[in-house]
Amino acid sequence: MGKNKGLYSEEFSVGSRVRIDDKQALERFLRRWKYHHALQLEQLSYAGQTAVVKSVMFYHGGDELYELVNIPGIWHEECLSAQEETE
């Protein structure tokens, strides 16, 4: 929830590249998170992959939710990190 930029301000803009957290981190989030848009077990198979942000949504209270290109599901900000551009 607003790790760096605060509430209702996305960490990752549409078109940016992100990395999905590793499987252990996703499993921790799955066990801990008890609110809206819980991760689905199928999403764990995408652990460690990189993707492009397709859309950004905000849940009431400022939680950032992301849709990724060619990767199903709704992703929480906590499950993603910025993917560094490599040459």
N, C-alpha and C. Protein backbone atom coordinates (compact mmCIF):
# COMPACT_ATOMS: atom_id res chain seq x y z
N MET A 1 0.83 -1.18 0.00
CA MET A 1 0.00 0.00 0.00
C MET A 1 0.87 1.24 0.00
N GLY A 2 1.10 1.77 -1.16
CA GLY A 2 1.83 3.01 -1.23
C GLY A 2 3.22 2.94 -0.67
N LYS A 3 3.97 1.87 -0.97
CA LYS A 3 5.32 1.69 -0.42
C LYS A 3 6.18 2.93 -0.55
N ASN A 4 6.20 3.49 -1.74
CA ASN A 4 7.10 4.61 -2.00
C ASN A 4 6.38 5.92 -2.32
N LYS A 5 5.30 5.84 -3.03
CA LYS A 5 4.67 7.05 -3.54
C LYS A 5 3.41 7.47 -2.79
N GLY A 6 3.00 6.70 -1.79
CA GLY A 6 1.83 7.06 -1.01
C GLY A 6 0.53 6.51 -1.56
N LEU A 7 -0.54 6.76 -0.82
CA LEU A 7 -1.85 6.25 -1.18
C LEU A 7 -2.36 6.85 -2.49
N TYR A 8 -3.04 6.02 -3.27
CA TYR A 8 -3.66 6.42 -4.53
C TYR A 8 -2.67 6.99 -5.54
N SER A 9 -1.44 6.55 -5.45
CA SER A 9 -0.41 6.93 -6.41
C SER A 9 0.37 5.66 -6.74
N GLU A 10 0.19 5.18 -7.96
CA GLU A 10 0.76 3.87 -8.30
C GLU A 10 2.28 3.84 -8.25
N GLU A 11 2.79 2.70 -7.78
CA GLU A 11 4.23 2.47 -7.76
C GLU A 11 4.73 2.15 -9.16
N PHE A 12 3.90 1.47 -9.94
CA PHE A 12 4.29 1.02 -11.28
C PHE A 12 3.27 1.55 -12.28
N SER A 13 3.71 2.36 -13.22
CA SER A 13 2.80 2.94 -14.19
C SER A 13 2.50 1.94 -15.31
N VAL A 14 1.40 2.18 -16.00
CA VAL A 14 1.03 1.34 -17.14
C VAL A 14 2.19 1.35 -18.14
N GLY A 15 2.56 0.16 -18.62
CA GLY A 15 3.65 0.03 -19.57
C GLY A 15 5.00 -0.26 -18.93
N SER A 16 5.11 -0.11 -17.61
CA SER A 16 6.39 -0.39 -16.96
C SER A 16 6.55 -1.90 -16.76
N ARG A 17 7.81 -2.33 -16.64
CA ARG A 17 8.12 -3.74 -16.42
C ARG A 17 8.26 -4.01 -14.94
N VAL A 18 7.65 -5.12 -14.51
CA VAL A 18 7.72 -5.52 -13.12
C VAL A 18 8.13 -6.98 -13.03
N ARG A 19 8.63 -7.35 -11.86
CA ARG A 19 8.95 -8.75 -11.58
C ARG A 19 7.99 -9.22 -10.48
N ILE A 20 7.41 -10.38 -10.71
CA ILE A 20 6.55 -11.00 -9.70
C ILE A 20 7.46 -11.64 -8.66
N ASP A 21 7.11 -11.50 -7.40
CA ASP A 21 7.92 -12.06 -6.32
C ASP A 21 8.12 -13.56 -6.48
N ASP A 22 9.11 -14.09 -5.74
CA ASP A 22 9.36 -15.53 -5.80
C ASP A 22 8.21 -16.28 -5.11
N LYS A 23 8.19 -17.60 -5.31
CA LYS A 23 7.08 -18.41 -4.82
C LYS A 23 6.92 -18.34 -3.31
N GLN A 24 8.03 -18.33 -2.58
CA GLN A 24 7.94 -18.26 -1.11
C GLN A 24 7.26 -16.97 -0.66
N ALA A 25 7.62 -15.86 -1.29
CA ALA A 25 7.01 -14.58 -0.93
C ALA A 25 5.52 -14.57 -1.27
N LEU A 26 5.16 -15.13 -2.42
CA LEU A 26 3.74 -15.20 -2.79
C LEU A 26 2.97 -16.09 -1.82
N GLU A 27 3.56 -17.20 -1.41
CA GLU A 27 2.90 -18.08 -0.45
C GLU A 27 2.69 -17.38 0.90
N ARG A 28 3.68 -16.59 1.34
CA ARG A 28 3.53 -15.82 2.59
C ARG A 28 2.38 -14.83 2.46
N PHE A 29 2.34 -14.13 1.33
CA PHE A 29 1.27 -13.16 1.10
C PHE A 29 -0.09 -13.87 1.10
N LEU A 30 -0.16 -15.00 0.44
CA LEU A 30 -1.40 -15.77 0.36
C LEU A 30 -1.90 -16.17 1.75
N ARG A 31 -1.00 -16.59 2.62
CA ARG A 31 -1.38 -16.98 3.99
C ARG A 31 -1.79 -15.78 4.84
N ARG A 32 -1.10 -14.68 4.66
CA ARG A 32 -1.29 -13.50 5.51
C ARG A 32 -2.48 -12.63 5.10
N TRP A 33 -2.70 -12.48 3.80
CA TRP A 33 -3.70 -11.53 3.31
C TRP A 33 -5.11 -12.07 3.49
N LYS A 34 -5.95 -11.33 4.17
CA LYS A 34 -7.31 -11.78 4.49
C LYS A 34 -8.39 -10.85 3.94
N TYR A 35 -8.02 -9.94 3.07
CA TYR A 35 -8.98 -8.94 2.62
C TYR A 35 -9.36 -9.16 1.16
N HIS A 36 -9.57 -8.11 0.46
CA HIS A 36 -10.04 -8.13 -0.92
C HIS A 36 -8.99 -8.69 -1.89
N HIS A 37 -9.45 -9.23 -3.00
CA HIS A 37 -8.60 -9.69 -4.10
C HIS A 37 -7.46 -10.60 -3.64
N ALA A 38 -7.82 -11.64 -2.95
CA ALA A 38 -6.80 -12.61 -2.52
C ALA A 38 -6.13 -13.23 -3.74
N LEU A 39 -4.86 -13.57 -3.60
CA LEU A 39 -4.18 -14.29 -4.68
C LEU A 39 -4.86 -15.64 -4.88
N GLN A 40 -4.90 -16.08 -6.11
CA GLN A 40 -5.42 -17.40 -6.43
C GLN A 40 -4.24 -18.36 -6.52
N LEU A 41 -4.45 -19.60 -6.15
CA LEU A 41 -3.36 -20.58 -6.19
C LEU A 41 -2.70 -20.65 -7.56
N GLU A 42 -3.47 -20.46 -8.63
CA GLU A 42 -2.92 -20.52 -9.98
C GLU A 42 -1.87 -19.43 -10.22
N GLN A 43 -1.98 -18.33 -9.48
CA GLN A 43 -1.03 -17.23 -9.67
C GLN A 43 0.38 -17.60 -9.19
N LEU A 44 0.50 -18.57 -8.30
CA LEU A 44 1.81 -18.96 -7.79
C LEU A 44 2.70 -19.48 -8.91
N SER A 45 2.11 -20.01 -9.97
CA SER A 45 2.93 -20.55 -11.07
C SER A 45 3.64 -19.45 -11.86
N TYR A 46 3.31 -18.20 -11.61
CA TYR A 46 3.95 -17.08 -12.31
C TYR A 46 5.07 -16.44 -11.48
N ALA A 47 5.39 -17.05 -10.35
CA ALA A 47 6.44 -16.52 -9.46
C ALA A 47 7.75 -16.33 -10.22
N GLY A 48 8.38 -15.18 -9.99
CA GLY A 48 9.68 -14.88 -10.58
C GLY A 48 9.65 -14.38 -12.01
N GLN A 49 8.50 -14.36 -12.64
CA GLN A 49 8.42 -13.91 -14.02
C GLN A 49 8.36 -12.39 -14.10
N THR A 50 8.73 -11.88 -15.25
CA THR A 50 8.61 -10.45 -15.50
C THR A 50 7.41 -10.22 -16.41
N ALA A 51 6.84 -9.04 -16.30
CA ALA A 51 5.66 -8.70 -17.09
C ALA A 51 5.57 -7.19 -17.25
N VAL A 52 4.65 -6.79 -18.09
CA VAL A 52 4.37 -5.37 -18.32
C VAL A 52 3.03 -5.05 -17.68
N VAL A 53 2.97 -3.92 -17.00
CA VAL A 53 1.73 -3.48 -16.35
C VAL A 53 0.72 -3.09 -17.42
N LYS A 54 -0.44 -3.73 -17.36
CA LYS A 54 -1.53 -3.48 -18.30
C LYS A 54 -2.48 -2.39 -17.78
N SER A 55 -2.80 -2.48 -16.47
CA SER A 55 -3.68 -1.47 -15.87
C SER A 55 -3.43 -1.40 -14.37
N VAL A 56 -3.83 -0.26 -13.81
CA VAL A 56 -3.67 0.00 -12.38
C VAL A 56 -5.04 0.36 -11.82
N MET A 57 -5.35 -0.22 -10.67
CA MET A 57 -6.61 0.08 -9.99
C MET A 57 -6.29 0.37 -8.52
N PHE A 58 -7.21 1.03 -7.85
CA PHE A 58 -7.05 1.29 -6.42
C PHE A 58 -8.29 0.80 -5.70
N TYR A 59 -8.06 0.03 -4.66
CA TYR A 59 -9.14 -0.41 -3.80
C TYR A 59 -9.36 0.68 -2.76
N HIS A 60 -10.57 0.76 -2.24
CA HIS A 60 -10.87 1.74 -1.20
C HIS A 60 -9.85 1.62 -0.07
N GLY A 61 -9.21 2.70 0.27
CA GLY A 61 -8.17 2.70 1.29
C GLY A 61 -6.79 2.85 0.68
N GLY A 62 -6.71 2.78 -0.64
CA GLY A 62 -5.45 3.06 -1.32
C GLY A 62 -4.65 1.87 -1.78
N ASP A 63 -5.13 0.64 -1.55
CA ASP A 63 -4.39 -0.53 -2.02
C ASP A 63 -4.27 -0.49 -3.55
N GLU A 64 -3.04 -0.68 -4.00
CA GLU A 64 -2.78 -0.68 -5.43
C GLU A 64 -2.94 -2.10 -5.98
N LEU A 65 -3.71 -2.21 -7.04
CA LEU A 65 -3.94 -3.49 -7.69
C LEU A 65 -3.56 -3.37 -9.16
N TYR A 66 -2.93 -4.41 -9.67
CA TYR A 66 -2.40 -4.37 -11.03
C TYR A 66 -2.89 -5.54 -11.86
N GLU A 67 -3.13 -5.27 -13.14
CA GLU A 67 -3.31 -6.31 -14.14
C GLU A 67 -2.05 -6.29 -14.99
N LEU A 68 -1.58 -7.47 -15.35
CA LEU A 68 -0.35 -7.60 -16.13
C LEU A 68 -0.65 -8.18 -17.50
N VAL A 69 0.12 -7.78 -18.49
CA VAL A 69 -0.06 -8.28 -19.85
C VAL A 69 0.28 -9.77 -19.89
N ASN A 70 -0.62 -10.56 -20.42
CA ASN A 70 -0.44 -12.01 -20.63
C ASN A 70 -0.23 -12.82 -19.36
N ILE A 71 -0.56 -12.25 -18.21
CA ILE A 71 -0.48 -13.00 -16.94
C ILE A 71 -1.80 -12.76 -16.22
N PRO A 72 -2.54 -13.83 -15.96
CA PRO A 72 -3.87 -13.66 -15.36
C PRO A 72 -3.84 -13.24 -13.91
N GLY A 73 -4.97 -12.71 -13.47
CA GLY A 73 -5.16 -12.39 -12.07
C GLY A 73 -4.96 -10.92 -11.76
N ILE A 74 -5.35 -10.58 -10.56
CA ILE A 74 -5.14 -9.25 -9.99
C ILE A 74 -3.94 -9.37 -9.06
N TRP A 75 -3.01 -8.46 -9.19
CA TRP A 75 -1.76 -8.52 -8.43
C TRP A 75 -1.66 -7.33 -7.48
N HIS A 76 -1.33 -7.61 -6.23
CA HIS A 76 -1.12 -6.56 -5.24
C HIS A 76 0.28 -5.98 -5.40
N GLU A 77 0.41 -4.71 -5.09
CA GLU A 77 1.70 -4.03 -5.13
C GLU A 77 2.76 -4.82 -4.37
N GLU A 78 2.41 -5.37 -3.23
CA GLU A 78 3.36 -6.10 -2.39
C GLU A 78 3.94 -7.33 -3.07
N CYS A 79 3.30 -7.80 -4.11
CA CYS A 79 3.76 -9.02 -4.80
C CYS A 79 4.64 -8.70 -6.02
N LEU A 80 4.90 -7.42 -6.24
CA LEU A 80 5.64 -6.98 -7.43
C LEU A 80 6.81 -6.10 -7.04
N SER A 81 7.80 -6.05 -7.92
CA SER A 81 8.91 -5.12 -7.76
C SER A 81 9.29 -4.60 -9.13
N ALA A 82 9.95 -3.45 -9.16
CA ALA A 82 10.36 -2.86 -10.42
C ALA A 82 11.41 -3.76 -11.09
N GLN A 83 11.27 -3.93 -12.38
CA GLN A 83 12.24 -4.69 -13.15
C GLN A 83 13.21 -3.71 -13.78
N GLU A 84 14.47 -3.86 -13.42
CA GLU A 84 15.49 -2.98 -13.97
C GLU A 84 15.67 -3.24 -15.46
N GLU A 85 15.81 -2.20 -16.21
CA GLU A 85 16.09 -2.31 -17.63
C GLU A 85 17.53 -2.80 -17.82
N THR A 86 17.72 -3.80 -18.63
CA THR A 86 19.07 -4.28 -18.93
C THR A 86 19.33 -4.12 -20.41
N GLU A 87 20.54 -3.82 -20.72
CA GLU A 87 20.94 -3.59 -22.11
C GLU A 87 21.53 -4.85 -22.66
